[in-house]
């Protein structure tokens, strides 16, 4: 059910990259658009645009930090995850590290061994301008 809902929410992006099963990348990965990982990355994963989506399949592994706006995790992560918009943890997700998110969907069976930190999207508040004219103090 999680995958069907994901397909309905995630718009098709022509800039999709696939790292196939059996592929090992040692070093940091930066991407825009959509990145689907079936292989293994030993390094950090960083999105370079606000609409980027990172998908980690049940066969995938990341050993390093993940910083993306939207992530769908169904594999193993050994490192911290920072998601600025939406994080989806599917049933096979196994995370060892701290998770920072704004919106979270977690399926039964997903595991997180670390701290979970919610970060609300707060709009900056405007304070009233200070009055230049002194008001009389009531006696």
C-alpha atoms as a PDB file:
ATOM      1  CA  UNK A   1       0.000   0.000   0.000  1.00  0.00           C
ATOM      2  CA  UNK A   2       2.856   2.372   0.743  1.00  0.00           C
ATOM      3  CA  UNK A   3       4.292   2.006  -2.786  1.00  0.00           C
ATOM      4  CA  UNK A   4       0.937   2.628  -4.497  1.00  0.00           C
ATOM      5  CA  UNK A   5       0.411   5.800  -2.481  1.00  0.00           C
ATOM      6  CA  UNK A   6       3.985   6.886  -3.247  1.00  0.00           C
ATOM      7  CA  UNK A   7       3.405   6.507  -6.979  1.00  0.00           C
ATOM      8  CA  UNK A   8       0.287   8.651  -6.755  1.00  0.00           C
ATOM      9  CA  UNK A   9       2.083  11.434  -4.808  1.00  0.00           C
ATOM     10  CA  UNK A  10       5.418  11.532  -6.591  1.00  0.00           C
ATOM     11  CA  UNK A  11       5.214  13.271  -9.964  1.00  0.00           C
ATOM     12  CA  UNK A  12       7.063  11.680 -12.856  1.00  0.00           C
ATOM     13  CA  UNK A  13      10.418  13.376 -13.208  1.00  0.00           C
ATOM     14  CA  UNK A  14      12.330  13.069 -16.475  1.00  0.00           C
ATOM     15  CA  UNK A  15      15.626  13.541 -14.565  1.00  0.00           C
ATOM     16  CA  UNK A  16      15.721  10.092 -12.971  1.00  0.00           C
ATOM     17  CA  UNK A  17      18.962   8.284 -12.156  1.00  0.00           C
ATOM     18  CA  UNK A  18      19.267   4.618 -11.205  1.00  0.00           C
ATOM     19  CA  UNK A  19      22.150   3.042  -9.351  1.00  0.00           C
ATOM     20  CA  UNK A  20      21.642  -0.648 -10.020  1.00  0.00           C
ATOM     21  CA  UNK A  21      21.985  -3.613  -7.718  1.00  0.00           C
ATOM     22  CA  UNK A  22      25.588  -4.816  -7.531  1.00  0.00           C
ATOM     23  CA  UNK A  23      26.964  -1.287  -8.032  1.00  0.00           C
ATOM     24  CA  UNK A  24      29.201   0.211  -5.331  1.00  0.00           C
ATOM     25  CA  UNK A  25      29.987   3.917  -5.240  1.00  0.00           C
ATOM     26  CA  UNK A  26      32.693   5.120  -2.845  1.00  0.00           C
ATOM     27  CA  UNK A  27      32.358   8.874  -2.404  1.00  0.00           C
ATOM     28  CA  UNK A  28      29.689  11.521  -2.090  1.00  0.00           C
ATOM     29  CA  UNK A  29      26.752  11.608  -4.503  1.00  0.00           C
ATOM     30  CA  UNK A  30      25.008  14.864  -5.470  1.00  0.00           C
ATOM     31  CA  UNK A  31      21.898  14.745  -7.606  1.00  0.00           C
ATOM     32  CA  UNK A  32      18.885  16.655  -8.828  1.00  0.00           C
ATOM     33  CA  UNK A  33      15.565  15.209  -9.924  1.00  0.00           C
ATOM     34  CA  UNK A  34      15.058  11.631  -8.743  1.00  0.00           C
ATOM     35  CA  UNK A  35      17.677   9.129  -7.603  1.00  0.00           C
ATOM     36  CA  UNK A  36      16.724   5.466  -7.155  1.00  0.00           C
ATOM     37  CA  UNK A  37      19.332   3.348  -5.365  1.00  0.00           C
ATOM     38  CA  UNK A  38      19.327  -0.450  -5.605  1.00  0.00           C
ATOM     39  CA  UNK A  39      23.095  -0.638  -5.056  1.00  0.00           C
ATOM     40  CA  UNK A  40      25.423   0.689  -2.364  1.00  0.00           C
ATOM     41  CA  UNK A  41      26.878   4.115  -1.592  1.00  0.00           C
ATOM     42  CA  UNK A  42      29.753   4.562   0.860  1.00  0.00           C
ATOM     43  CA  UNK A  43      29.521   8.329   1.252  1.00  0.00           C
ATOM     44  CA  UNK A  44      26.921  11.039   1.616  1.00  0.00           C
ATOM     45  CA  UNK A  45      23.867  11.601  -0.583  1.00  0.00           C
ATOM     46  CA  UNK A  46      22.868  15.247  -1.161  1.00  0.00           C
ATOM     47  CA  UNK A  47      20.078  16.695  -3.282  1.00  0.00           C
ATOM     48  CA  UNK A  48      20.834  19.890  -5.169  1.00  0.00           C
ATOM     49  CA  UNK A  49      17.247  21.087  -5.688  1.00  0.00           C
ATOM     50  CA  UNK A  50      14.120  21.471  -3.548  1.00  0.00           C
ATOM     51  CA  UNK A  51      12.054  19.046  -5.634  1.00  0.00           C
ATOM     52  CA  UNK A  52      14.518  16.145  -5.486  1.00  0.00           C
ATOM     53  CA  UNK A  53      13.387  12.652  -4.441  1.00  0.00           C
ATOM     54  CA  UNK A  54      15.686   9.932  -3.135  1.00  0.00           C
ATOM     55  CA  UNK A  55      14.419   6.338  -3.172  1.00  0.00           C
ATOM     56  CA  UNK A  56      16.321   3.521  -1.464  1.00  0.00           C
ATOM     57  CA  UNK A  57      15.044   0.059  -2.393  1.00  0.00           C
ATOM     58  CA  UNK A  58      15.014  -2.960  -0.084  1.00  0.00           C
ATOM     59  CA  UNK A  59      18.295  -4.040  -1.744  1.00  0.00           C
ATOM     60  CA  UNK A  60      20.024  -0.671  -1.280  1.00  0.00           C
ATOM     61  CA  UNK A  61      22.516   0.501   1.358  1.00  0.00           C
ATOM     62  CA  UNK A  62      23.860   3.936   2.241  1.00  0.00           C
ATOM     63  CA  UNK A  63      26.795   4.243   4.616  1.00  0.00           C
ATOM     64  CA  UNK A  64      26.833   7.982   5.173  1.00  0.00           C
ATOM     65  CA  UNK A  65      24.645  11.019   5.637  1.00  0.00           C
ATOM     66  CA  UNK A  66      21.529  11.672   3.543  1.00  0.00           C
ATOM     67  CA  UNK A  67      20.309  15.278   2.982  1.00  0.00           C
ATOM     68  CA  UNK A  68      17.278  15.514   0.701  1.00  0.00           C
ATOM     69  CA  UNK A  69      13.850  17.179   0.569  1.00  0.00           C
ATOM     70  CA  UNK A  70      11.908  13.920   0.013  1.00  0.00           C
ATOM     71  CA  UNK A  71      13.068  10.382   0.782  1.00  0.00           C
ATOM     72  CA  UNK A  72      11.475   6.967   0.473  1.00  0.00           C
ATOM     73  CA  UNK A  73      13.541   4.438   2.408  1.00  0.00           C
ATOM     74  CA  UNK A  74      13.056   0.685   2.200  1.00  0.00           C
ATOM     75  CA  UNK A  75      16.687  -0.432   2.606  1.00  0.00           C
ATOM     76  CA  UNK A  76      19.557   0.070   5.052  1.00  0.00           C
ATOM     77  CA  UNK A  77      21.040   3.401   6.120  1.00  0.00           C
ATOM     78  CA  UNK A  78      24.046   3.695   8.420  1.00  0.00           C
ATOM     79  CA  UNK A  79      24.188   7.424   9.071  1.00  0.00           C
ATOM     80  CA  UNK A  80      22.025  10.420   9.804  1.00  0.00           C
ATOM     81  CA  UNK A  81      19.085  11.387   7.597  1.00  0.00           C
ATOM     82  CA  UNK A  82      17.997  15.017   7.125  1.00  0.00           C
ATOM     83  CA  UNK A  83      14.748  15.407   5.176  1.00  0.00           C
ATOM     84  CA  UNK A  84      13.389  18.920   4.732  1.00  0.00           C
ATOM     85  CA  UNK A  85       9.953  17.886   3.455  1.00  0.00           C
ATOM     86  CA  UNK A  86       8.652  14.307   3.596  1.00  0.00           C
ATOM     87  CA  UNK A  87      10.202  11.055   4.788  1.00  0.00           C
ATOM     88  CA  UNK A  88       8.585   7.700   4.056  1.00  0.00           C
ATOM     89  CA  UNK A  89       9.895   4.622   5.858  1.00  0.00           C
ATOM     90  CA  UNK A  90       8.716   1.417   4.202  1.00  0.00           C
ATOM     91  CA  UNK A  91       8.491  -1.961   6.011  1.00  0.00           C
ATOM     92  CA  UNK A  92      12.073  -3.076   5.228  1.00  0.00           C
ATOM     93  CA  UNK A  93      13.708   0.231   6.275  1.00  0.00           C
ATOM     94  CA  UNK A  94      16.587  -0.240   8.724  1.00  0.00           C
ATOM     95  CA  UNK A  95      18.203   2.984   9.929  1.00  0.00           C
ATOM     96  CA  UNK A  96      21.137   3.267  12.305  1.00  0.00           C
ATOM     97  CA  UNK A  97      21.515   6.980  12.925  1.00  0.00           C
ATOM     98  CA  UNK A  98      19.526  10.084  13.783  1.00  0.00           C
ATOM     99  CA  UNK A  99      16.513  11.035  11.668  1.00  0.00           C
ATOM    100  CA  UNK A 100      15.470  14.668  11.140  1.00  0.00           C
ATOM    101  CA  UNK A 101      12.209  15.202   9.267  1.00  0.00           C
ATOM    102  CA  UNK A 102       9.302  17.581   8.738  1.00  0.00           C
ATOM    103  CA  UNK A 103       6.638  15.060   7.723  1.00  0.00           C
ATOM    104  CA  UNK A 104       6.895  11.320   8.402  1.00  0.00           C
ATOM    105  CA  UNK A 105       5.083   8.205   7.230  1.00  0.00           C
ATOM    106  CA  UNK A 106       6.362   5.012   8.855  1.00  0.00           C
ATOM    107  CA  UNK A 107       5.099   1.552   7.929  1.00  0.00           C
ATOM    108  CA  UNK A 108       4.882  -1.337  10.378  1.00  0.00           C
ATOM    109  CA  UNK A 109       8.185  -3.193  10.384  1.00  0.00           C
ATOM    110  CA  UNK A 110      10.438  -0.187   9.729  1.00  0.00           C
ATOM    111  CA  UNK A 111      13.216   0.218  12.307  1.00  0.00           C
ATOM    112  CA  UNK A 112      15.112   3.285  13.501  1.00  0.00           C
ATOM    113  CA  UNK A 113      18.022   2.924  15.904  1.00  0.00           C
ATOM    114  CA  UNK A 114      18.723   6.550  16.748  1.00  0.00           C
ATOM    115  CA  UNK A 115      16.950   9.747  17.638  1.00  0.00           C
ATOM    116  CA  UNK A 116      13.903  10.998  15.755  1.00  0.00           C
ATOM    117  CA  UNK A 117      13.639  14.811  15.512  1.00  0.00           C
ATOM    118  CA  UNK A 118      10.626  16.579  14.057  1.00  0.00           C
ATOM    119  CA  UNK A 119      11.281  20.002  12.559  1.00  0.00           C
ATOM    120  CA  UNK A 120       8.125  21.974  11.893  1.00  0.00           C
ATOM    121  CA  UNK A 121       7.989  24.280   8.924  1.00  0.00           C
ATOM    122  CA  UNK A 122       7.527  27.525  10.735  1.00  0.00           C
ATOM    123  CA  UNK A 123       7.050  30.767   8.916  1.00  0.00           C
ATOM    124  CA  UNK A 124       9.190  33.568  10.275  1.00  0.00           C
ATOM    125  CA  UNK A 125       7.185  35.768  12.597  1.00  0.00           C
ATOM    126  CA  UNK A 126       7.238  39.504  12.129  1.00  0.00           C
ATOM    127  CA  UNK A 127       7.503  41.556  15.271  1.00  0.00           C
ATOM    128  CA  UNK A 128       5.731  44.899  15.368  1.00  0.00           C
ATOM    129  CA  UNK A 129       7.962  47.861  14.668  1.00  0.00           C
ATOM    130  CA  UNK A 130       8.999  49.742  17.788  1.00  0.00           C
ATOM    131  CA  UNK A 131       7.081  52.921  18.415  1.00  0.00           C
ATOM    132  CA  UNK A 132       9.194  56.059  18.126  1.00  0.00           C
ATOM    133  CA  UNK A 133       6.730  58.141  20.121  1.00  0.00           C
ATOM    134  CA  UNK A 134       6.754  57.491  23.839  1.00  0.00           C
ATOM    135  CA  UNK A 135       3.333  56.710  25.191  1.00  0.00           C
ATOM    136  CA  UNK A 136       2.328  58.326  28.483  1.00  0.00           C
ATOM    137  CA  UNK A 137       2.586  56.044  31.466  1.00  0.00           C
ATOM    138  CA  UNK A 138      -0.698  55.862  33.410  1.00  0.00           C
ATOM    139  CA  UNK A 139      -0.420  57.165  36.963  1.00  0.00           C
END
